[in-house]
Amino acid sequence: MKKICLLIVSSLCMGLSACSQMPKECEQSWKYMADIAKQSGIPEDSIKAQKKQFEQQIKSMSKDQAIQACQAQSAIFKMVK
């Protein structure tokens, strides 16, 4: 189960690639990812590393692309949760 959740979190992070600040939609998306990772027992260090990677990917996108990607992710995470 842990591996599956880590794989989901990692693959969705990789799917993102915005602006100087993270849009609120992306903050919400990250919150869902972090909650799932914590529930799966993933270590805090791994979660922090994933968050840095997530933020870098968001910053490399245009704001509109980042918002759309994060909204899609949030919808998926709501179904998973």
N, C-alpha and C. Protein backbone atom coordinates (compact mmCIF):
# COMPACT_ATOMS: atom_id res chain seq x y z
N MET A 1 0.83 -1.20 0.00
CA MET A 1 0.00 0.00 0.00
C MET A 1 0.86 1.25 0.00
N LYS A 2 1.93 1.22 0.82
CA LYS A 2 2.81 2.38 0.89
C LYS A 2 3.45 2.65 -0.46
N LYS A 3 3.87 1.58 -1.12
CA LYS A 3 4.52 1.74 -2.42
C LYS A 3 3.55 2.30 -3.46
N ILE A 4 2.32 1.85 -3.39
CA ILE A 4 1.32 2.34 -4.34
C ILE A 4 1.07 3.82 -4.13
N CYS A 5 0.90 4.23 -2.89
CA CYS A 5 0.66 5.65 -2.59
C CYS A 5 1.87 6.50 -2.97
N LEU A 6 3.07 5.99 -2.66
CA LEU A 6 4.28 6.72 -3.03
C LEU A 6 4.37 6.84 -4.54
N LEU A 7 4.03 5.78 -5.24
CA LEU A 7 4.05 5.81 -6.70
C LEU A 7 3.04 6.82 -7.23
N ILE A 8 1.86 6.85 -6.66
CA ILE A 8 0.83 7.81 -7.08
C ILE A 8 1.31 9.24 -6.85
N VAL A 9 1.81 9.49 -5.66
CA VAL A 9 2.29 10.83 -5.32
C VAL A 9 3.43 11.23 -6.24
N SER A 10 4.37 10.33 -6.44
CA SER A 10 5.53 10.63 -7.28
C SER A 10 5.13 10.86 -8.73
N SER A 11 4.27 10.00 -9.25
CA SER A 11 3.88 10.14 -10.64
C SER A 11 3.07 11.42 -10.87
N LEU A 12 2.23 11.77 -9.93
CA LEU A 12 1.48 13.01 -10.09
C LEU A 12 2.38 14.23 -9.95
N CYS A 13 3.38 14.11 -9.10
CA CYS A 13 4.36 15.20 -8.98
C CYS A 13 5.12 15.35 -10.29
N MET A 14 5.47 14.23 -10.88
CA MET A 14 6.20 14.27 -12.14
C MET A 14 5.33 14.85 -13.26
N GLY A 15 4.03 14.63 -13.15
CA GLY A 15 3.12 15.13 -14.16
C GLY A 15 3.01 16.64 -14.16
N LEU A 16 3.40 17.25 -13.09
CA LEU A 16 3.39 18.71 -13.02
C LEU A 16 4.74 19.25 -13.43
N SER A 17 4.77 20.16 -14.01
CA SER A 17 6.08 20.75 -14.31
C SER A 17 5.98 22.26 -14.12
N ALA A 18 5.12 28.00 -12.78
CA ALA A 18 4.01 28.73 -12.61
C ALA A 18 4.50 29.95 -12.05
N CYS A 19 4.46 30.08 -11.57
CA CYS A 19 4.63 31.42 -11.13
C CYS A 19 5.58 31.42 -9.94
N SER A 20 5.93 32.64 -9.52
CA SER A 20 6.90 32.72 -8.42
C SER A 20 6.33 32.17 -7.13
N GLN A 21 5.01 32.24 -6.97
CA GLN A 21 4.37 31.67 -5.79
C GLN A 21 3.43 30.56 -6.24
N MET A 22 3.26 29.59 -5.37
CA MET A 22 2.39 28.49 -5.71
C MET A 22 0.93 28.94 -5.64
N PRO A 23 0.15 28.71 -6.70
CA PRO A 23 -1.27 29.08 -6.67
C PRO A 23 -2.00 28.31 -5.56
N LYS A 24 -3.09 28.89 -5.08
CA LYS A 24 -3.82 28.25 -3.98
C LYS A 24 -4.34 26.87 -4.38
N GLU A 25 -4.65 26.68 -5.66
CA GLU A 25 -5.11 25.37 -6.13
C GLU A 25 -4.01 24.32 -5.95
N CYS A 26 -2.76 24.75 -6.15
CA CYS A 26 -1.64 23.83 -6.00
C CYS A 26 -1.33 23.57 -4.53
N GLU A 27 -1.54 24.56 -3.71
CA GLU A 27 -1.36 24.35 -2.27
C GLU A 27 -2.36 23.31 -1.78
N GLN A 28 -3.59 23.38 -2.27
CA GLN A 28 -4.62 22.41 -1.88
C GLN A 28 -4.24 21.03 -2.41
N SER A 29 -3.78 20.96 -3.64
CA SER A 29 -3.37 19.69 -4.22
C SER A 29 -2.23 19.07 -3.41
N TRP A 30 -1.26 19.90 -3.02
CA TRP A 30 -0.17 19.38 -2.21
C TRP A 30 -0.68 18.88 -0.86
N LYS A 31 -1.62 19.57 -0.28
CA LYS A 31 -2.17 19.16 1.02
C LYS A 31 -2.76 17.76 0.91
N TYR A 32 -3.50 17.50 -0.16
CA TYR A 32 -4.06 16.16 -0.37
C TYR A 32 -2.94 15.13 -0.50
N MET A 33 -1.90 15.46 -1.29
CA MET A 33 -0.79 14.52 -1.47
C MET A 33 -0.10 14.23 -0.15
N ALA A 34 0.16 15.27 0.62
CA ALA A 34 0.86 15.11 1.90
C ALA A 34 0.01 14.28 2.87
N ASP A 35 -1.28 14.52 2.90
CA ASP A 35 -2.16 13.75 3.79
C ASP A 35 -2.14 12.27 3.43
N ILE A 36 -2.23 11.97 2.15
CA ILE A 36 -2.21 10.57 1.70
C ILE A 36 -0.86 9.93 2.04
N ALA A 37 0.21 10.68 1.82
CA ALA A 37 1.55 10.15 2.11
C ALA A 37 1.70 9.87 3.60
N LYS A 38 1.22 10.78 4.45
CA LYS A 38 1.31 10.58 5.90
C LYS A 38 0.49 9.37 6.34
N GLN A 39 -0.70 9.24 5.79
CA GLN A 39 -1.56 8.11 6.14
C GLN A 39 -0.93 6.79 5.72
N SER A 40 -0.11 6.85 4.67
CA SER A 40 0.55 5.65 4.16
C SER A 40 1.81 5.31 4.92
N GLY A 41 2.22 6.20 5.82
CA GLY A 41 3.40 5.94 6.62
C GLY A 41 4.71 6.33 5.96
N ILE A 42 4.65 7.17 4.95
CA ILE A 42 5.85 7.62 4.26
C ILE A 42 6.59 8.58 5.20
N PRO A 43 7.91 8.42 5.33
CA PRO A 43 8.68 9.27 6.25
C PRO A 43 8.61 10.75 5.90
N GLU A 44 8.67 11.60 6.92
CA GLU A 44 8.60 13.06 6.75
C GLU A 44 9.67 13.57 5.80
N ASP A 45 10.87 13.01 5.87
CA ASP A 45 11.96 13.46 4.99
C ASP A 45 11.60 13.25 3.52
N SER A 46 10.99 12.12 3.23
CA SER A 46 10.57 11.83 1.86
C SER A 46 9.48 12.79 1.41
N ILE A 47 8.57 13.10 2.30
CA ILE A 47 7.49 14.03 1.98
C ILE A 47 8.05 15.42 1.69
N LYS A 48 9.00 15.86 2.50
CA LYS A 48 9.62 17.17 2.28
C LYS A 48 10.36 17.22 0.95
N ALA A 49 11.05 16.15 0.61
CA ALA A 49 11.76 16.09 -0.68
C ALA A 49 10.77 16.14 -1.84
N GLN A 50 9.66 15.43 -1.70
CA GLN A 50 8.63 15.45 -2.73
C GLN A 50 8.02 16.84 -2.87
N LYS A 51 7.86 17.54 -1.75
CA LYS A 51 7.28 18.89 -1.80
C LYS A 51 8.20 19.83 -2.57
N LYS A 52 9.50 19.74 -2.34
CA LYS A 52 10.44 20.58 -3.08
C LYS A 52 10.35 20.31 -4.57
N GLN A 53 10.29 19.04 -4.92
CA GLN A 53 10.19 18.65 -6.33
C GLN A 53 8.87 19.17 -6.92
N PHE A 54 7.80 19.02 -6.18
CA PHE A 54 6.49 19.50 -6.62
C PHE A 54 6.52 21.00 -6.88
N GLU A 55 7.10 21.77 -5.95
CA GLU A 55 7.18 23.22 -6.10
C GLU A 55 8.02 23.61 -7.30
N GLN A 56 9.11 22.91 -7.54
CA GLN A 56 9.95 23.21 -8.70
C GLN A 56 9.19 22.96 -10.00
N GLN A 57 8.44 21.88 -10.04
CA GLN A 57 7.68 21.58 -11.24
C GLN A 57 6.58 22.60 -11.47
N ILE A 58 5.94 23.04 -10.40
CA ILE A 58 4.89 24.05 -10.52
C ILE A 58 5.48 25.35 -11.05
N LYS A 59 6.63 25.73 -10.53
CA LYS A 59 7.27 26.98 -10.93
C LYS A 59 7.72 26.96 -12.38
N SER A 60 7.94 25.78 -12.93
CA SER A 60 8.38 25.70 -14.32
C SER A 60 7.21 25.79 -15.31
N MET A 61 5.99 25.78 -14.80
CA MET A 61 4.79 25.88 -15.65
C MET A 61 4.27 27.32 -15.65
N SER A 62 3.44 27.61 -16.65
CA SER A 62 2.75 28.90 -16.62
C SER A 62 1.70 28.81 -15.52
N LYS A 63 1.26 29.95 -15.04
CA LYS A 63 0.29 29.96 -13.94
C LYS A 63 -0.99 29.22 -14.33
N ASP A 64 -1.48 29.46 -15.54
CA ASP A 64 -2.72 28.80 -15.98
C ASP A 64 -2.55 27.28 -16.07
N GLN A 65 -1.41 26.84 -16.61
CA GLN A 65 -1.16 25.40 -16.70
C GLN A 65 -1.08 24.78 -15.31
N ALA A 66 -0.40 25.46 -14.40
CA ALA A 66 -0.26 24.94 -13.04
C ALA A 66 -1.62 24.83 -12.36
N ILE A 67 -2.44 25.84 -12.52
CA ILE A 67 -3.77 25.82 -11.90
C ILE A 67 -4.61 24.67 -12.45
N GLN A 68 -4.59 24.50 -13.77
CA GLN A 68 -5.36 23.41 -14.38
C GLN A 68 -4.87 22.05 -13.91
N ALA A 69 -3.56 21.88 -13.88
CA ALA A 69 -2.99 20.60 -13.44
C ALA A 69 -3.33 20.33 -11.98
N CYS A 70 -3.23 21.34 -11.15
CA CYS A 70 -3.51 21.17 -9.72
C CYS A 70 -4.99 20.90 -9.47
N GLN A 71 -5.85 21.55 -10.21
CA GLN A 71 -7.27 21.29 -10.06
C GLN A 71 -7.60 19.85 -10.44
N ALA A 72 -6.98 19.36 -11.51
CA ALA A 72 -7.19 17.97 -11.92
C ALA A 72 -6.68 17.01 -10.85
N GLN A 73 -5.50 17.31 -10.31
CA GLN A 73 -4.95 16.47 -9.26
C GLN A 73 -5.84 16.46 -8.02
N SER A 74 -6.32 17.62 -7.64
CA SER A 74 -7.18 17.71 -6.46
C SER A 74 -8.43 16.87 -6.63
N ALA A 75 -8.99 16.90 -7.83
CA ALA A 75 -10.18 16.10 -8.10
C ALA A 75 -9.88 14.61 -7.93
N ILE A 76 -8.71 14.19 -8.40
CA ILE A 76 -8.32 12.78 -8.27
C ILE A 76 -8.11 12.43 -6.80
N PHE A 77 -7.42 13.31 -6.08
CA PHE A 77 -7.14 13.02 -4.67
C PHE A 77 -8.41 13.01 -3.83
N LYS A 78 -9.40 13.81 -4.19
CA LYS A 78 -10.67 13.79 -3.46
C LYS A 78 -11.33 12.42 -3.62
N MET A 79 -11.23 11.84 -4.83
CA MET A 79 -11.81 10.53 -5.06
C MET A 79 -11.04 9.45 -4.30
N VAL A 80 -9.70 9.58 -4.24
CA VAL A 80 -8.88 8.60 -3.55
C VAL A 80 -9.10 8.64 -2.06
N LYS A 81 -9.24 9.85 -1.52
CA LYS A 81 -9.43 10.04 -0.09
C LYS A 81 -10.78 9.54 0.29
